[in-house]
């Protein structure tokens, strides 16, 4: 999974970035369809939908890719729940009405404002990047086994 959330096409996307941030992340992350070239929609990491995907697919380990795309952000957000009509949903709702109209509940974390492209091992990551990964692991209750900070083979490494 990516260190942020993407979506292709129409439909609900509670954590979608503002236009300026979307353009920045889309360019840096090369978020365009391989066949059509259509731009992907990008947003903050959504732990609600990822937890659901982990559950329905029986996943017990994950790989976090494109961590480097978030390198220059001052603050990062992680969606931990959805709020709709005063109710908090920590589990993925089955109602499209809720998804279309919910407000994401975010935790904010400091960014690392440091280029990670040349890092080749987990210990070399900035402390804030490690904290971001640690929080994702906690929210998903799933082990992160690999992290990537670029598309080259040397830019993917064990998370231990």
Protein backbone atom coordinates (compact mmCIF):
# COMPACT_ATOMS: atom_id res chain seq x y z
CA UNK A 1 0.00 0.00 0.00
CA UNK A 2 1.05 3.59 -0.50
CA UNK A 3 1.96 5.94 2.34
CA UNK A 4 -1.06 7.98 1.25
CA UNK A 5 -4.39 7.00 -0.34
CA UNK A 6 -5.31 7.11 -4.02
CA UNK A 7 -8.48 6.51 -5.95
CA UNK A 8 -9.26 6.12 -9.63
CA UNK A 9 -12.51 7.51 -11.01
CA UNK A 10 -15.58 8.95 -9.39
CA UNK A 11 -17.10 8.16 -6.03
CA UNK A 12 -16.60 8.94 -2.36
CA UNK A 13 -13.10 9.82 -1.20
CA UNK A 14 -13.29 11.28 2.33
CA UNK A 15 -9.55 12.07 2.67
CA UNK A 16 -9.03 13.68 -0.76
CA UNK A 17 -6.41 16.45 -0.82
CA UNK A 18 -7.11 20.06 -1.72
CA UNK A 19 -6.33 20.89 -5.35
CA UNK A 20 -2.89 22.42 -4.69
CA UNK A 21 -1.68 19.53 -2.54
CA UNK A 22 -3.28 17.04 -4.96
CA UNK A 23 -1.30 18.48 -7.87
CA UNK A 24 1.95 18.42 -5.87
CA UNK A 25 1.55 14.81 -4.66
CA UNK A 26 0.24 13.61 -8.03
CA UNK A 27 3.33 14.97 -9.81
CA UNK A 28 5.85 13.74 -7.26
CA UNK A 29 4.21 10.31 -6.95
CA UNK A 30 3.60 9.97 -10.71
CA UNK A 31 -0.06 9.27 -9.99
CA UNK A 32 -1.36 8.81 -13.52
CA UNK A 33 -3.02 5.71 -14.97
CA UNK A 34 -0.56 3.42 -16.77
CA UNK A 35 -2.91 2.77 -19.70
CA UNK A 36 -5.08 5.88 -19.93
CA UNK A 37 -2.77 8.45 -18.38
CA UNK A 38 -5.73 9.69 -16.33
CA UNK A 39 -4.71 11.46 -13.13
CA UNK A 40 -5.42 9.53 -9.93
CA UNK A 41 -7.12 11.23 -7.02
CA UNK A 42 -4.85 11.46 -3.97
CA UNK A 43 -5.56 11.93 -0.29
CA UNK A 44 -4.35 11.47 3.25
CA UNK A 45 -3.72 7.97 4.54
CA UNK A 46 -7.10 6.45 5.36
CA UNK A 47 -6.69 3.78 8.04
CA UNK A 48 -10.43 3.03 8.02
CA UNK A 49 -10.49 1.77 4.44
CA UNK A 50 -7.07 0.09 4.72
CA UNK A 51 -8.15 -1.82 7.86
CA UNK A 52 -11.21 -3.00 5.95
CA UNK A 53 -9.07 -4.14 3.02
CA UNK A 54 -6.70 -5.99 5.36
CA UNK A 55 -9.63 -7.76 7.00
CA UNK A 56 -11.47 -8.83 3.83
CA UNK A 57 -8.26 -9.97 2.12
CA UNK A 58 -6.78 -11.84 5.10
CA UNK A 59 -3.55 -9.82 5.06
CA UNK A 60 -1.11 -10.17 7.96
CA UNK A 61 1.88 -8.18 6.64
CA UNK A 62 2.12 -5.06 4.51
CA UNK A 63 4.60 -3.11 2.44
CA UNK A 64 4.44 0.70 2.57
CA UNK A 65 5.48 2.31 -0.71
CA UNK A 66 6.06 5.90 -1.84
CA UNK A 67 7.03 7.18 1.60
CA UNK A 68 9.34 9.62 -0.19
CA UNK A 69 6.39 11.36 -1.85
CA UNK A 70 5.54 12.84 1.57
CA UNK A 71 9.09 14.12 2.22
CA UNK A 72 8.45 17.86 2.01
CA UNK A 73 5.25 18.21 4.00
CA UNK A 74 5.22 20.13 7.26
CA UNK A 75 2.33 18.14 8.68
CA UNK A 76 0.84 14.77 7.80
CA UNK A 77 -2.68 13.59 8.50
CA UNK A 78 -3.94 10.08 9.12
CA UNK A 79 -7.68 9.42 8.98
CA UNK A 80 -8.61 7.28 11.99
CA UNK A 81 -12.42 7.40 11.69
CA UNK A 82 -15.33 8.97 9.84
CA UNK A 83 -17.89 11.28 11.43
CA UNK A 84 -21.44 11.35 10.13
CA UNK A 85 -24.48 12.91 11.78
CA UNK A 86 -22.68 13.05 15.11
CA UNK A 87 -21.64 9.39 15.07
CA UNK A 88 -18.03 8.21 14.82
CA UNK A 89 -17.31 5.26 12.52
CA UNK A 90 -14.01 3.49 13.18
CA UNK A 91 -15.01 0.59 10.93
CA UNK A 92 -15.70 1.00 7.22
CA UNK A 93 -19.41 1.76 6.77
CA UNK A 94 -21.47 -0.20 4.25
CA UNK A 95 -23.63 2.82 3.45
CA UNK A 96 -22.67 4.87 0.38
CA UNK A 97 -24.66 7.74 1.93
CA UNK A 98 -22.31 7.79 4.90
CA UNK A 99 -19.21 7.58 2.70
CA UNK A 100 -20.42 10.39 0.44
CA UNK A 101 -21.21 12.73 3.34
CA UNK A 102 -18.86 11.83 6.18
CA UNK A 103 -16.13 14.01 7.61
CA UNK A 104 -12.76 12.34 8.15
CA UNK A 105 -11.42 12.34 11.72
CA UNK A 106 -7.69 13.04 11.54
CA UNK A 107 -4.62 12.66 13.69
CA UNK A 108 -1.87 15.07 12.73
CA UNK A 109 1.80 14.21 12.83
CA UNK A 110 4.87 16.29 12.02
CA UNK A 111 6.42 15.79 8.60
CA UNK A 112 10.14 15.15 8.19
CA UNK A 113 11.02 17.83 5.63
CA UNK A 114 13.99 15.74 4.51
CA UNK A 115 14.78 13.89 1.28
CA UNK A 116 14.58 10.13 1.88
CA UNK A 117 15.46 9.00 -1.68
CA UNK A 118 19.05 8.13 -0.80
CA UNK A 119 18.19 6.19 2.36
CA UNK A 120 18.82 2.45 2.01
CA UNK A 121 17.82 1.10 5.44
CA UNK A 122 15.14 1.66 8.04
CA UNK A 123 17.50 3.10 10.70
CA UNK A 124 18.43 5.87 8.24
CA UNK A 125 14.87 7.21 8.02
CA UNK A 126 14.10 10.48 9.81
CA UNK A 127 12.52 10.02 13.23
CA UNK A 128 9.24 11.61 12.09
CA UNK A 129 9.02 9.13 9.18
CA UNK A 130 9.55 6.22 11.58
CA UNK A 131 6.86 7.65 13.86
CA UNK A 132 4.46 7.90 10.90
CA UNK A 133 5.08 4.25 9.99
CA UNK A 134 4.76 3.20 13.63
CA UNK A 135 1.38 4.92 13.92
CA UNK A 136 0.13 3.27 10.72
CA UNK A 137 1.24 -0.12 12.08
CA UNK A 138 -0.61 0.55 15.36
CA UNK A 139 -3.82 1.65 13.65
CA UNK A 140 -3.85 -1.29 11.27
CA UNK A 141 -2.61 -3.81 13.85
CA UNK A 142 -0.53 -5.29 11.03
CA UNK A 143 3.20 -5.74 10.64
CA UNK A 144 5.01 -3.54 8.11
CA UNK A 145 7.72 -5.72 6.55
CA UNK A 146 9.10 -3.46 3.80
CA UNK A 147 9.26 0.27 3.10
CA UNK A 148 10.12 1.99 -0.17
CA UNK A 149 11.40 5.51 -0.73
CA UNK A 150 11.63 5.31 -4.52
CA UNK A 151 11.23 2.99 -7.48
CA UNK A 152 14.75 1.53 -7.52
CA UNK A 153 15.44 -1.85 -5.95
CA UNK A 154 17.93 -0.28 -3.50
CA UNK A 155 15.18 2.08 -2.30
CA UNK A 156 13.14 -0.75 -0.78
CA UNK A 157 14.25 -2.17 2.54
CA UNK A 158 13.15 -4.10 5.60
CA UNK A 159 11.28 -2.13 8.24
CA UNK A 160 13.32 -3.65 11.07
